[in-house]
Amino acid sequence: MTTPSSPARPTRILVTGGAGFIGSHYVRTVLGAEGPGDVAITVLDKLTYAGNPANLDEVRDHSGFAFVEGDICDPELVAGLMADHDQVVHFAAESHVDRSIDGGAEFVRTNVVGTHTLIDAAHRAGIKTFVHISTDEVYGSIDEGSWPETHPLEPNSPYSSAKASSDLIALSYHRTHGLDVRVTRCSNNYGHHHFPEKVIPLFVTNLLDGKKVPLYGDGANVRDWLHIDDHVQGIELVRTKGRAGEVYNIGGGTELSNKELTGMLLDACGANWDESVEYVEDRKGHDRRYSVDCTKIREELGYVPRKSFEQGLAETVQWYRDNRAWWEPLKERASIA
């Protein structure tokens, strides 16, 4: 007589910062209809100003979802969670450059100390894979060409310096202890559920309310824009197919100056330049241009951005039109004008 085999246990993933913009989209996607179907996710989030429980409403009743409110700097909490999981995808970070310029201590605590707390607990618990989500800002600024993953780290803000430090700490646990650590460095993300202090949601929500938008300096700073759908696609490729100890750049392939981006947002919101744009003093140490070379993730893992910027931007603007109940309270609580 054949004994029926028991179903395979799903891969248990601890997602830090999973109530934030990118982390919550990762959770919604992986647990959604087009996800792998063989995972269970626990979100660990401190629910600071940018962490919103409503971002997870879509998956709250999913059988493979659990939520823990807590701090990645809490060694006891983190150690207990690591013991029950197979993999970690680490999004949790302080990420707003302007806030880091005003005061960098919390960025060092969360991004550096928090990452060390997690990675050390992961090593001790025998975690199989640790995916550390980083940023292209660790490379500094580049006038022409694009950064490969081997480019030296030359961060220029307290935020990017803290992220560069966290990258090095994470990778050191691969080199010293053999932990399977994989690092991703993404370009500027955009899309729905984006906290409205960042440039695209700030400009869109201001324009929808008939307010002016603040354009730094001469508006010539250039960024590469990556839709969160494509970012999540890249992260999943790295989690499931990437190599231990490796860094993978993830970009969107659309480079725009802030002035060009502002023009597109004005058009999308039916506003005009003279009435709606206010030039403001440039940010201190404002990096001129970011550009990542995505050859490695494309050739090794088959990554290709799928969402055109025009389509993604139109969808994003429409989402903010349709979801005032989501963003209006956030702007009011954070006194964002």
C-alpha atoms as a PDB file:
ATOM      1  CA  MET A   1       0.000   0.000   0.000  1.00  0.00           C
ATOM      2  CA  THR A   2       1.327   3.420  -0.923  1.00  0.00           C
ATOM      3  CA  THR A   3       1.395   5.963   1.848  1.00  0.00           C
ATOM      4  CA  PRO A   4       0.394   9.409   0.615  1.00  0.00           C
ATOM      5  CA  SER A   5       3.189  11.895   0.954  1.00  0.00           C
ATOM      6  CA  SER A   6       2.605  14.960   3.094  1.00  0.00           C
ATOM      7  CA  PRO A   7       2.619  18.312   1.294  1.00  0.00           C
ATOM      8  CA  ALA A   8       5.942  20.117   1.208  1.00  0.00           C
ATOM      9  CA  ARG A   9       6.376  22.762   3.891  1.00  0.00           C
ATOM     10  CA  PRO A  10       6.424  26.270   2.434  1.00  0.00           C
ATOM     11  CA  THR A  11       9.587  28.347   2.586  1.00  0.00           C
ATOM     12  CA  ARG A  12       9.208  30.645   5.583  1.00  0.00           C
ATOM     13  CA  ILE A  13      10.431  34.170   4.810  1.00  0.00           C
ATOM     14  CA  LEU A  14      10.963  36.924   7.368  1.00  0.00           C
ATOM     15  CA  VAL A  15      10.392  40.282   5.642  1.00  0.00           C
ATOM     16  CA  THR A  16      11.642  43.296   7.587  1.00  0.00           C
ATOM     17  CA  GLY A  17      10.072  46.659   6.840  1.00  0.00           C
ATOM     18  CA  GLY A  18       7.193  44.885   5.155  1.00  0.00           C
ATOM     19  CA  ALA A  19       4.648  47.619   5.960  1.00  0.00           C
ATOM     20  CA  GLY A  20       6.607  50.216   3.991  1.00  0.00           C
ATOM     21  CA  PHE A  21       6.393  51.185   0.330  1.00  0.00           C
ATOM     22  CA  ILE A  22       8.576  48.567  -1.350  1.00  0.00           C
ATOM     23  CA  GLY A  23       8.391  45.899   1.355  1.00  0.00           C
ATOM     24  CA  SER A  24       4.593  45.830   1.366  1.00  0.00           C
ATOM     25  CA  HIS A  25       4.484  45.523  -2.414  1.00  0.00           C
ATOM     26  CA  TYR A  26       6.901  42.619  -2.193  1.00  0.00           C
ATOM     27  CA  VAL A  27       4.625  40.908   0.344  1.00  0.00           C
ATOM     28  CA  ARG A  28       1.450  41.566  -1.660  1.00  0.00           C
ATOM     29  CA  THR A  29       3.105  40.276  -4.827  1.00  0.00           C
ATOM     30  CA  VAL A  30       4.689  37.133  -3.386  1.00  0.00           C
ATOM     31  CA  LEU A  31       1.489  36.136  -1.585  1.00  0.00           C
ATOM     32  CA  GLY A  32      -0.682  37.116  -4.561  1.00  0.00           C
ATOM     33  CA  ALA A  33      -2.133  35.027  -7.359  1.00  0.00           C
ATOM     34  CA  GLU A  34       1.018  35.340  -9.472  1.00  0.00           C
ATOM     35  CA  GLY A  35       3.403  34.598  -6.596  1.00  0.00           C
ATOM     36  CA  PRO A  36       5.362  31.358  -6.235  1.00  0.00           C
ATOM     37  CA  GLY A  37       2.697  29.772  -4.032  1.00  0.00           C
ATOM     38  CA  ASP A  38       5.174  27.890  -1.845  1.00  0.00           C
ATOM     39  CA  VAL A  39       6.032  30.585   0.700  1.00  0.00           C
ATOM     40  CA  ALA A  40       4.778  31.883   4.030  1.00  0.00           C
ATOM     41  CA  ILE A  41       5.729  35.393   5.123  1.00  0.00           C
ATOM     42  CA  THR A  42       6.141  37.036   8.500  1.00  0.00           C
ATOM     43  CA  VAL A  43       6.437  40.820   8.363  1.00  0.00           C
ATOM     44  CA  LEU A  44       8.520  42.497  11.061  1.00  0.00           C
ATOM     45  CA  ASP A  45       7.913  46.248  11.119  1.00  0.00           C
ATOM     46  CA  LYS A  46       8.306  48.936  13.778  1.00  0.00           C
ATOM     47  CA  LEU A  47       5.490  50.986  12.172  1.00  0.00           C
ATOM     48  CA  THR A  48       7.390  54.253  12.199  1.00  0.00           C
ATOM     49  CA  TYR A  49       5.987  57.203  10.251  1.00  0.00           C
ATOM     50  CA  ALA A  50       6.484  55.474   6.875  1.00  0.00           C
ATOM     51  CA  GLY A  51       5.183  52.056   7.915  1.00  0.00           C
ATOM     52  CA  ASN A  52       1.455  51.786   7.254  1.00  0.00           C
ATOM     53  CA  PRO A  53      -0.580  48.731   8.342  1.00  0.00           C
ATOM     54  CA  ALA A  54      -3.124  49.548   5.626  1.00  0.00           C
ATOM     55  CA  ASN A  55      -0.486  48.640   3.041  1.00  0.00           C
ATOM     56  CA  LEU A  56      -0.966  45.006   4.080  1.00  0.00           C
ATOM     57  CA  ASP A  57      -4.767  44.880   4.161  1.00  0.00           C
ATOM     58  CA  GLU A  58      -4.815  42.954   0.890  1.00  0.00           C
ATOM     59  CA  VAL A  59      -2.981  39.964   2.411  1.00  0.00           C
ATOM     60  CA  ARG A  60      -3.991  40.224   6.059  1.00  0.00           C
ATOM     61  CA  ASP A  61      -6.320  37.195   5.838  1.00  0.00           C
ATOM     62  CA  HIS A  62      -3.909  35.090   3.776  1.00  0.00           C
ATOM     63  CA  SER A  63      -3.106  31.787   5.472  1.00  0.00           C
ATOM     64  CA  GLY A  64       0.597  32.319   4.806  1.00  0.00           C
ATOM     65  CA  PHE A  65       0.788  35.799   6.345  1.00  0.00           C
ATOM     66  CA  ALA A  66       1.754  36.886   9.852  1.00  0.00           C
ATOM     67  CA  PHE A  67       2.645  40.293  11.268  1.00  0.00           C
ATOM     68  CA  VAL A  68       4.908  41.224  14.175  1.00  0.00           C
ATOM     69  CA  GLU A  69       5.277  44.804  15.326  1.00  0.00           C
ATOM     70  CA  GLY A  70       8.803  45.286  16.548  1.00  0.00           C
ATOM     71  CA  ASP A  71      12.268  46.760  16.133  1.00  0.00           C
ATOM     72  CA  ILE A  72      15.043  45.137  14.099  1.00  0.00           C
ATOM     73  CA  CYS A  73      17.456  46.458  16.754  1.00  0.00           C
ATOM     74  CA  ASP A  74      15.853  44.224  19.411  1.00  0.00           C
ATOM     75  CA  PRO A  75      18.206  41.202  19.645  1.00  0.00           C
ATOM     76  CA  GLU A  76      15.843  39.003  21.660  1.00  0.00           C
ATOM     77  CA  LEU A  77      12.882  39.551  19.352  1.00  0.00           C
ATOM     78  CA  VAL A  78      14.992  39.086  16.223  1.00  0.00           C
ATOM     79  CA  ALA A  79      16.629  35.892  17.498  1.00  0.00           C
ATOM     80  CA  GLY A  80      13.248  34.361  18.280  1.00  0.00           C
ATOM     81  CA  LEU A  81      11.914  35.136  14.826  1.00  0.00           C
ATOM     82  CA  MET A  82      15.000  33.836  13.031  1.00  0.00           C
ATOM     83  CA  ALA A  83      14.573  30.446  14.690  1.00  0.00           C
ATOM     84  CA  ASP A  84      11.225  29.994  12.910  1.00  0.00           C
ATOM     85  CA  HIS A  85      12.254  31.056   9.399  1.00  0.00           C
ATOM     86  CA  ASP A  86      14.290  29.821   6.450  1.00  0.00           C
ATOM     87  CA  GLN A  87      15.069  33.058   4.615  1.00  0.00           C
ATOM     88  CA  VAL A  88      15.171  36.814   5.234  1.00  0.00           C
ATOM     89  CA  VAL A  89      14.381  39.666   2.844  1.00  0.00           C
ATOM     90  CA  HIS A  90      15.563  42.816   4.585  1.00  0.00           C
ATOM     91  CA  PHE A  91      13.890  46.075   3.536  1.00  0.00           C
ATOM     92  CA  ALA A  92      13.726  47.879   6.891  1.00  0.00           C
ATOM     93  CA  ALA A  93      15.652  51.152   6.720  1.00  0.00           C
ATOM     94  CA  GLU A  94      15.502  54.871   7.258  1.00  0.00           C
ATOM     95  CA  SER A  95      15.575  56.071   3.675  1.00  0.00           C
ATOM     96  CA  HIS A  96      14.777  59.774   3.269  1.00  0.00           C
ATOM     97  CA  VAL A  97      17.938  61.708   2.409  1.00  0.00           C
ATOM     98  CA  ASP A  98      16.626  65.071   3.633  1.00  0.00           C
ATOM     99  CA  ARG A  99      15.848  63.599   7.057  1.00  0.00           C
ATOM    100  CA  SER A 100      19.371  62.133   7.249  1.00  0.00           C
ATOM    101  CA  ILE A 101      20.879  65.563   6.568  1.00  0.00           C
ATOM    102  CA  ASP A 102      18.889  67.061   9.430  1.00  0.00           C
ATOM    103  CA  GLY A 103      19.981  64.266  11.768  1.00  0.00           C
ATOM    104  CA  GLY A 104      21.818  61.045  10.976  1.00  0.00           C
ATOM    105  CA  ALA A 105      21.723  59.210  14.311  1.00  0.00           C
ATOM    106  CA  GLU A 106      18.529  57.267  13.631  1.00  0.00           C
ATOM    107  CA  PHE A 107      19.881  56.272  10.207  1.00  0.00           C
ATOM    108  CA  VAL A 108      22.986  54.771  11.800  1.00  0.00           C
ATOM    109  CA  ARG A 109      20.901  53.001  14.441  1.00  0.00           C
ATOM    110  CA  THR A 110      18.371  51.463  12.046  1.00  0.00           C
ATOM    111  CA  ASN A 111      20.446  50.903   8.928  1.00  0.00           C
ATOM    112  CA  VAL A 112      23.741  49.863  10.533  1.00  0.00           C
ATOM    113  CA  VAL A 113      22.972  48.523  14.016  1.00  0.00           C
ATOM    114  CA  GLY A 114      19.667  47.050  12.877  1.00  0.00           C
ATOM    115  CA  THR A 115      21.259  45.240   9.946  1.00  0.00           C
ATOM    116  CA  HIS A 116      23.996  43.853  12.180  1.00  0.00           C
ATOM    117  CA  THR A 117      21.415  42.635  14.689  1.00  0.00           C
ATOM    118  CA  LEU A 118      19.563  40.817  11.908  1.00  0.00           C
ATOM    119  CA  ILE A 119      22.549  39.357  10.100  1.00  0.00           C
ATOM    120  CA  ASP A 120      24.183  38.115  13.289  1.00  0.00           C
ATOM    121  CA  ALA A 121      20.953  36.435  14.406  1.00  0.00           C
ATOM    122  CA  ALA A 122      20.531  34.943  10.910  1.00  0.00           C
ATOM    123  CA  HIS A 123      24.019  33.423  11.117  1.00  0.00           C
ATOM    124  CA  ARG A 124      23.398  31.962  14.557  1.00  0.00           C
ATOM    125  CA  ALA A 125      20.012  30.537  13.530  1.00  0.00           C
ATOM    126  CA  GLY A 126      21.326  28.921  10.341  1.00  0.00           C
ATOM    127  CA  ILE A 127      19.195  30.993   7.957  1.00  0.00           C
ATOM    128  CA  LYS A 128      19.531  29.619   4.420  1.00  0.00           C
ATOM    129  CA  THR A 129      19.389  32.887   2.445  1.00  0.00           C
ATOM    130  CA  PHE A 130      19.576  36.542   3.490  1.00  0.00           C
ATOM    131  CA  VAL A 131      18.619  39.104   0.815  1.00  0.00           C
ATOM    132  CA  HIS A 132      19.726  42.602   1.782  1.00  0.00           C
ATOM    133  CA  ILE A 133      17.950  45.422  -0.081  1.00  0.00           C
ATOM    134  CA  SER A 134      20.214  48.396  -0.713  1.00  0.00           C
ATOM    135  CA  THR A 135      20.397  51.414  -3.020  1.00  0.00           C
ATOM    136  CA  ASP A 136      22.374  52.826  -5.923  1.00  0.00           C
ATOM    137  CA  GLU A 137      23.146  55.847  -3.738  1.00  0.00           C
ATOM    138  CA  VAL A 138      25.988  53.908  -2.083  1.00  0.00           C
ATOM    139  CA  TYR A 139      28.021  54.448  -5.269  1.00  0.00           C
ATOM    140  CA  GLY A 140      27.937  58.243  -4.980  1.00  0.00           C
ATOM    141  CA  SER A 141      27.498  60.340  -8.122  1.00  0.00           C
ATOM    142  CA  ILE A 142      28.532  59.575 -11.699  1.00  0.00           C
ATOM    143  CA  ASP A 143      28.808  62.121 -14.526  1.00  0.00           C
ATOM    144  CA  GLU A 144      28.651  59.627 -17.392  1.00  0.00           C
ATOM    145  CA  GLY A 145      28.363  55.894 -17.900  1.00  0.00           C
ATOM    146  CA  SER A 146      26.861  53.500 -15.355  1.00  0.00           C
ATOM    147  CA  TRP A 147      28.099  51.783 -12.201  1.00  0.00           C
ATOM    148  CA  PRO A 148      28.799  48.044 -12.256  1.00  0.00           C
ATOM    149  CA  GLU A 149      28.533  46.179  -8.981  1.00  0.00           C
ATOM    150  CA  THR A 150      32.330  46.282  -8.629  1.00  0.00           C
ATOM    151  CA  HIS A 151      32.464  50.098  -8.472  1.00  0.00           C
ATOM    152  CA  PRO A 152      33.926  51.427  -5.201  1.00  0.00           C
ATOM    153  CA  LEU A 153      31.400  52.698  -2.675  1.00  0.00           C
ATOM    154  CA  GLU A 154      31.527  56.503  -2.420  1.00  0.00           C
ATOM    155  CA  PRO A 155      28.373  57.580  -0.544  1.00  0.00           C
ATOM    156  CA  ASN A 156      27.798  61.288  -0.019  1.00  0.00           C
ATOM    157  CA  SER A 157      24.876  61.585   2.431  1.00  0.00           C
ATOM    158  CA  PRO A 158      24.385  60.227   5.968  1.00  0.00           C
ATOM    159  CA  TYR A 159      21.629  58.008   4.507  1.00  0.00           C
ATOM    160  CA  SER A 160      23.747  56.483   1.751  1.00  0.00           C
ATOM    161  CA  SER A 161      26.735  56.152   4.075  1.00  0.00           C
ATOM    162  CA  ALA A 162      24.617  54.166   6.522  1.00  0.00           C
ATOM    163  CA  LYS A 163      23.345  51.960   3.683  1.00  0.00           C
ATOM    164  CA  ALA A 164      26.889  51.379   2.389  1.00  0.00           C
ATOM    165  CA  SER A 165      27.936  50.378   5.892  1.00  0.00           C
ATOM    166  CA  SER A 166      25.024  47.942   6.115  1.00  0.00           C
ATOM    167  CA  ASP A 167      26.013  46.407   2.772  1.00  0.00           C
ATOM    168  CA  LEU A 168      29.538  45.782   4.014  1.00  0.00           C
ATOM    169  CA  ILE A 169      28.349  44.316   7.304  1.00  0.00           C
ATOM    170  CA  ALA A 170      25.974  41.956   5.512  1.00  0.00           C
ATOM    171  CA  LEU A 171      28.588  40.815   3.002  1.00  0.00           C
ATOM    172  CA  SER A 172      31.158  40.314   5.759  1.00  0.00           C
ATOM    173  CA  TYR A 173      28.975  37.568   7.209  1.00  0.00           C
ATOM    174  CA  HIS A 174      29.208  35.722   3.911  1.00  0.00           C
ATOM    175  CA  ARG A 175      32.976  36.066   3.731  1.00  0.00           C
ATOM    176  CA  THR A 176      33.602  35.314   7.412  1.00  0.00           C
ATOM    177  CA  HIS A 177      30.875  32.805   8.251  1.00  0.00           C
ATOM    178  CA  GLY A 178      29.731  31.485   4.858  1.00  0.00           C
ATOM    179  CA  LEU A 179      26.195  32.829   5.297  1.00  0.00           C
ATOM    180  CA  ASP A 180      24.303  33.005   1.991  1.00  0.00           C
ATOM    181  CA  VAL A 181      23.979  36.791   1.701  1.00  0.00           C
ATOM    182  CA  ARG A 182      22.754  38.416  -1.514  1.00  0.00           C
ATOM    183  CA  VAL A 183      22.662  42.216  -1.908  1.00  0.00           C
ATOM    184  CA  THR A 184      20.501  44.193  -4.317  1.00  0.00           C
ATOM    185  CA  ARG A 185      21.108  47.845  -5.185  1.00  0.00           C
ATOM    186  CA  CYS A 186      18.151  49.521  -6.859  1.00  0.00           C
ATOM    187  CA  SER A 187      17.627  52.826  -8.597  1.00  0.00           C
ATOM    188  CA  ASN A 188      14.845  55.276  -7.631  1.00  0.00           C
ATOM    189  CA  ASN A 189      11.553  53.446  -7.064  1.00  0.00           C
ATOM    190  CA  TYR A 190       8.105  54.792  -7.863  1.00  0.00           C
ATOM    191  CA  GLY A 191       4.548  53.491  -7.817  1.00  0.00           C
ATOM    192  CA  HIS A 192       1.470  53.273  -5.601  1.00  0.00           C
ATOM    193  CA  HIS A 193       1.544  53.288  -1.772  1.00  0.00           C
ATOM    194  CA  HIS A 194       4.642  55.521  -1.795  1.00  0.00           C
ATOM    195  CA  PHE A 195       4.924  57.688   1.328  1.00  0.00           C
ATOM    196  CA  PRO A 196       4.211  61.266   0.200  1.00  0.00           C
ATOM    197  CA  GLU A 197       7.471  62.879   1.276  1.00  0.00           C
ATOM    198  CA  LYS A 198       9.324  61.402  -1.732  1.00  0.00           C
ATOM    199  CA  VAL A 199       9.429  63.399  -4.958  1.00  0.00           C
ATOM    200  CA  ILE A 200       6.821  61.690  -7.169  1.00  0.00           C
ATOM    201  CA  PRO A 201       4.066  61.214  -4.556  1.00  0.00           C
ATOM    202  CA  LEU A 202       4.827  64.642  -3.043  1.00  0.00           C
ATOM    203  CA  PHE A 203       4.567  66.387  -6.396  1.00  0.00           C
ATOM    204  CA  VAL A 204       1.470  64.438  -7.479  1.00  0.00           C
ATOM    205  CA  THR A 205      -0.433  65.017  -4.241  1.00  0.00           C
ATOM    206  CA  ASN A 206       0.530  68.702  -4.156  1.00  0.00           C
ATOM    207  CA  LEU A 207      -0.584  69.175  -7.746  1.00  0.00           C
ATOM    208  CA  LEU A 208      -3.868  67.357  -7.143  1.00  0.00           C
ATOM    209  CA  ASP A 209      -4.502  69.841  -4.320  1.00  0.00           C
ATOM    210  CA  GLY A 210      -3.583  72.827  -6.476  1.00  0.00           C
ATOM    211  CA  LYS A 211      -0.382  73.502  -4.541  1.00  0.00           C
ATOM    212  CA  LYS A 212       3.092  74.297  -5.788  1.00  0.00           C
ATOM    213  CA  VAL A 213       5.900  71.739  -6.017  1.00  0.00           C
ATOM    214  CA  PRO A 214       9.453  72.427  -4.763  1.00  0.00           C
ATOM    215  CA  LEU A 215      12.159  71.836  -7.400  1.00  0.00           C
ATOM    216  CA  TYR A 216      15.684  71.639  -5.991  1.00  0.00           C
ATOM    217  CA  GLY A 217      18.411  73.845  -7.498  1.00  0.00           C
ATOM    218  CA  ASP A 218      18.438  73.956 -11.296  1.00  0.00           C
ATOM    219  CA  GLY A 219      16.470  70.708 -11.633  1.00  0.00           C
ATOM    220  CA  ALA A 220      19.250  69.041 -13.619  1.00  0.00           C
ATOM    221  CA  ASN A 221      19.937  66.173 -11.187  1.00  0.00           C
ATOM    222  CA  VAL A 222      19.377  62.872 -13.026  1.00  0.00           C
ATOM    223  CA  ARG A 223      17.856  59.656 -11.668  1.00  0.00           C
ATOM    224  CA  ASP A 224      16.976  56.280 -13.164  1.00  0.00           C
ATOM    225  CA  TRP A 225      13.354  55.331 -12.390  1.00  0.00           C
ATOM    226  CA  LEU A 226      12.292  51.804 -11.442  1.00  0.00           C
ATOM    227  CA  HIS A 227       8.670  50.744 -11.005  1.00  0.00           C
ATOM    228  CA  ILE A 228       8.026  48.682  -7.879  1.00  0.00           C
ATOM    229  CA  ASP A 229       6.655  45.821 -10.033  1.00  0.00           C
ATOM    230  CA  ASP A 230      10.038  45.535 -11.733  1.00  0.00           C
ATOM    231  CA  HIS A 231      11.943  45.948  -8.480  1.00  0.00           C
ATOM    232  CA  VAL A 232      10.006  43.090  -6.881  1.00  0.00           C
ATOM    233  CA  GLN A 233      10.616  40.979  -9.988  1.00  0.00           C
ATOM    234  CA  GLY A 234      14.355  41.582  -9.599  1.00  0.00           C
ATOM    235  CA  ILE A 235      14.356  40.823  -5.883  1.00  0.00           C
ATOM    236  CA  GLU A 236      12.572  37.514  -6.451  1.00  0.00           C
ATOM    237  CA  LEU A 237      15.069  36.543  -9.138  1.00  0.00           C
ATOM    238  CA  VAL A 238      17.894  37.250  -6.699  1.00  0.00           C
ATOM    239  CA  ARG A 239      16.166  35.374  -3.864  1.00  0.00           C
ATOM    240  CA  THR A 240      15.424  32.277  -5.924  1.00  0.00           C
ATOM    241  CA  LYS A 241      18.285  32.197  -8.451  1.00  0.00           C
ATOM    242  CA  GLY A 242      21.024  34.543  -7.232  1.00  0.00           C
ATOM    243  CA  ARG A 243      24.447  33.516  -5.969  1.00  0.00           C
ATOM    244  CA  ALA A 244      25.704  33.731  -2.403  1.00  0.00           C
ATOM    245  CA  GLY A 245      27.990  36.671  -1.679  1.00  0.00           C
ATOM    246  CA  GLU A 246      27.005  38.558  -4.818  1.00  0.00           C
ATOM    247  CA  VAL A 247      25.658  42.074  -5.423  1.00  0.00           C
ATOM    248  CA  TYR A 248      23.036  42.720  -8.108  1.00  0.00           C
ATOM    249  CA  ASN A 249      22.078  46.134  -9.493  1.00  0.00           C
ATOM    250  CA  ILE A 250      18.378  46.547 -10.352  1.00  0.00           C
ATOM    251  CA  GLY A 251      17.430  49.475 -12.589  1.00  0.00           C
ATOM    252  CA  GLY A 252      14.447  50.636 -14.587  1.00  0.00           C
ATOM    253  CA  GLY A 253      16.212  51.978 -17.657  1.00  0.00           C
ATOM    254  CA  THR A 254      14.567  55.428 -17.663  1.00  0.00           C
ATOM    255  CA  GLU A 255      16.934  58.278 -16.828  1.00  0.00           C
ATOM    256  CA  LEU A 256      15.315  61.689 -16.338  1.00  0.00           C
ATOM    257  CA  SER A 257      16.412  64.989 -14.901  1.00  0.00           C
ATOM    258  CA  ASN A 258      14.251  66.254 -12.080  1.00  0.00           C
ATOM    259  CA  LYS A 259      13.165  69.049 -14.395  1.00  0.00           C
ATOM    260  CA  GLU A 260      12.040  66.545 -17.049  1.00  0.00           C
ATOM    261  CA  LEU A 261      10.211  64.500 -14.422  1.00  0.00           C
ATOM    262  CA  THR A 262       8.488  67.615 -13.101  1.00  0.00           C
ATOM    263  CA  GLY A 263       7.256  68.463 -16.595  1.00  0.00           C
ATOM    264  CA  MET A 264       5.766  64.995 -17.009  1.00  0.00           C
ATOM    265  CA  LEU A 265       4.025  65.224 -13.636  1.00  0.00           C
ATOM    266  CA  LEU A 266       2.617  68.653 -14.473  1.00  0.00           C
ATOM    267  CA  ASP A 267       1.187  67.271 -17.720  1.00  0.00           C
ATOM    268  CA  ALA A 268      -0.279  64.233 -15.964  1.00  0.00           C
ATOM    269  CA  CYS A 269      -1.993  66.412 -13.357  1.00  0.00           C
ATOM    270  CA  GLY A 270      -3.161  69.139 -15.740  1.00  0.00           C
ATOM    271  CA  ALA A 271      -0.988  71.846 -14.191  1.00  0.00           C
ATOM    272  CA  ASN A 272       1.343  74.439 -15.722  1.00  0.00           C
ATOM    273  CA  TRP A 273       4.924  75.330 -14.911  1.00  0.00           C
ATOM    274  CA  ASP A 274       4.601  79.027 -14.102  1.00  0.00           C
ATOM    275  CA  GLU A 275       1.816  78.582 -11.564  1.00  0.00           C
ATOM    276  CA  SER A 276       2.866  75.287 -10.015  1.00  0.00           C
ATOM    277  CA  VAL A 277       6.696  75.105  -9.756  1.00  0.00           C
ATOM    278  CA  GLU A 278       8.734  76.815  -7.064  1.00  0.00           C
ATOM    279  CA  TYR A 279      12.528  76.624  -7.298  1.00  0.00           C
ATOM    280  CA  VAL A 280      14.056  76.056  -3.860  1.00  0.00           C
ATOM    281  CA  GLU A 281      17.590  75.984  -2.482  1.00  0.00           C
ATOM    282  CA  ASP A 282      19.387  72.802  -3.506  1.00  0.00           C
ATOM    283  CA  ARG A 283      19.848  69.955  -1.058  1.00  0.00           C
ATOM    284  CA  LYS A 284      23.246  69.840   0.653  1.00  0.00           C
ATOM    285  CA  GLY A 285      25.603  67.416  -1.104  1.00  0.00           C
ATOM    286  CA  HIS A 286      22.964  66.677  -3.750  1.00  0.00           C
ATOM    287  CA  ASP A 287      24.322  63.899  -6.009  1.00  0.00           C
ATOM    288  CA  ARG A 288      24.172  64.992  -9.648  1.00  0.00           C
ATOM    289  CA  ARG A 289      23.469  61.695 -11.393  1.00  0.00           C
ATOM    290  CA  TYR A 290      22.840  58.034 -10.600  1.00  0.00           C
ATOM    291  CA  SER A 291      22.987  55.257 -13.187  1.00  0.00           C
ATOM    292  CA  VAL A 292      23.332  51.519 -12.562  1.00  0.00           C
ATOM    293  CA  ASP A 293      24.647  48.927 -15.005  1.00  0.00           C
ATOM    294  CA  CYS A 294      22.195  45.999 -14.930  1.00  0.00           C
ATOM    295  CA  THR A 295      24.196  43.674 -17.182  1.00  0.00           C
ATOM    296  CA  LYS A 296      24.871  41.183 -14.387  1.00  0.00           C
ATOM    297  CA  ILE A 297      21.271  40.566 -13.295  1.00  0.00           C
ATOM    298  CA  ARG A 298      20.112  40.555 -16.909  1.00  0.00           C
ATOM    299  CA  GLU A 299      22.666  38.011 -18.129  1.00  0.00           C
ATOM    300  CA  GLU A 300      22.752  35.804 -15.012  1.00  0.00           C
ATOM    301  CA  LEU A 301      19.103  35.847 -13.930  1.00  0.00           C
ATOM    302  CA  GLY A 302      17.138  37.009 -16.982  1.00  0.00           C
ATOM    303  CA  TYR A 303      15.930  40.307 -15.500  1.00  0.00           C
ATOM    304  CA  VAL A 304      14.219  42.703 -17.921  1.00  0.00           C
ATOM    305  CA  PRO A 305      12.118  45.713 -16.809  1.00  0.00           C
ATOM    306  CA  ARG A 306       8.562  45.125 -18.023  1.00  0.00           C
ATOM    307  CA  LYS A 307       6.756  48.349 -17.154  1.00  0.00           C
ATOM    308  CA  SER A 308       7.345  51.390 -19.373  1.00  0.00           C
ATOM    309  CA  PHE A 309       7.801  54.617 -17.458  1.00  0.00           C
ATOM    310  CA  GLU A 310       4.925  56.266 -19.292  1.00  0.00           C
ATOM    311  CA  GLN A 311       2.516  53.495 -18.311  1.00  0.00           C
ATOM    312  CA  GLY A 312       3.835  53.247 -14.767  1.00  0.00           C
ATOM    313  CA  LEU A 313       3.642  56.996 -14.186  1.00  0.00           C
ATOM    314  CA  ALA A 314       0.084  57.210 -15.535  1.00  0.00           C
ATOM    315  CA  GLU A 315      -0.994  54.340 -13.269  1.00  0.00           C
ATOM    316  CA  THR A 316       0.729  55.953 -10.292  1.00  0.00           C
ATOM    317  CA  VAL A 317      -0.926  59.340 -10.784  1.00  0.00           C
ATOM    318  CA  GLN A 318      -4.318  57.661 -11.173  1.00  0.00           C
ATOM    319  CA  TRP A 319      -3.791  55.674  -7.973  1.00  0.00           C
ATOM    320  CA  TYR A 320      -3.196  58.872  -6.000  1.00  0.00           C
ATOM    321  CA  ARG A 321      -6.283  60.431  -7.607  1.00  0.00           C
ATOM    322  CA  ASP A 322      -8.339  57.450  -6.473  1.00  0.00           C
ATOM    323  CA  ASN A 323      -6.849  57.014  -2.998  1.00  0.00           C
ATOM    324  CA  ARG A 324      -6.994  60.324  -1.161  1.00  0.00           C
ATOM    325  CA  ALA A 325      -8.170  58.471   1.934  1.00  0.00           C
ATOM    326  CA  TRP A 326      -4.765  56.755   2.003  1.00  0.00           C
ATOM    327  CA  TRP A 327      -2.448  59.738   1.548  1.00  0.00           C
ATOM    328  CA  GLU A 328      -4.264  62.755   2.983  1.00  0.00           C
ATOM    329  CA  PRO A 329      -3.999  61.581   6.634  1.00  0.00           C
ATOM    330  CA  LEU A 330      -0.320  60.722   6.120  1.00  0.00           C
ATOM    331  CA  LYS A 331       0.515  64.204   4.865  1.00  0.00           C
ATOM    332  CA  GLU A 332      -1.456  65.798   7.655  1.00  0.00           C
ATOM    333  CA  ARG A 333       0.200  63.742  10.411  1.00  0.00           C
ATOM    334  CA  ALA A 334       3.689  64.292   9.010  1.00  0.00           C
ATOM    335  CA  SER A 335       3.028  67.993   8.278  1.00  0.00           C
ATOM    336  CA  ILE A 336       4.079  67.503   4.666  1.00  0.00           C
ATOM    337  CA  ALA A 337       3.254  70.497   2.469  1.00  0.00           C
END
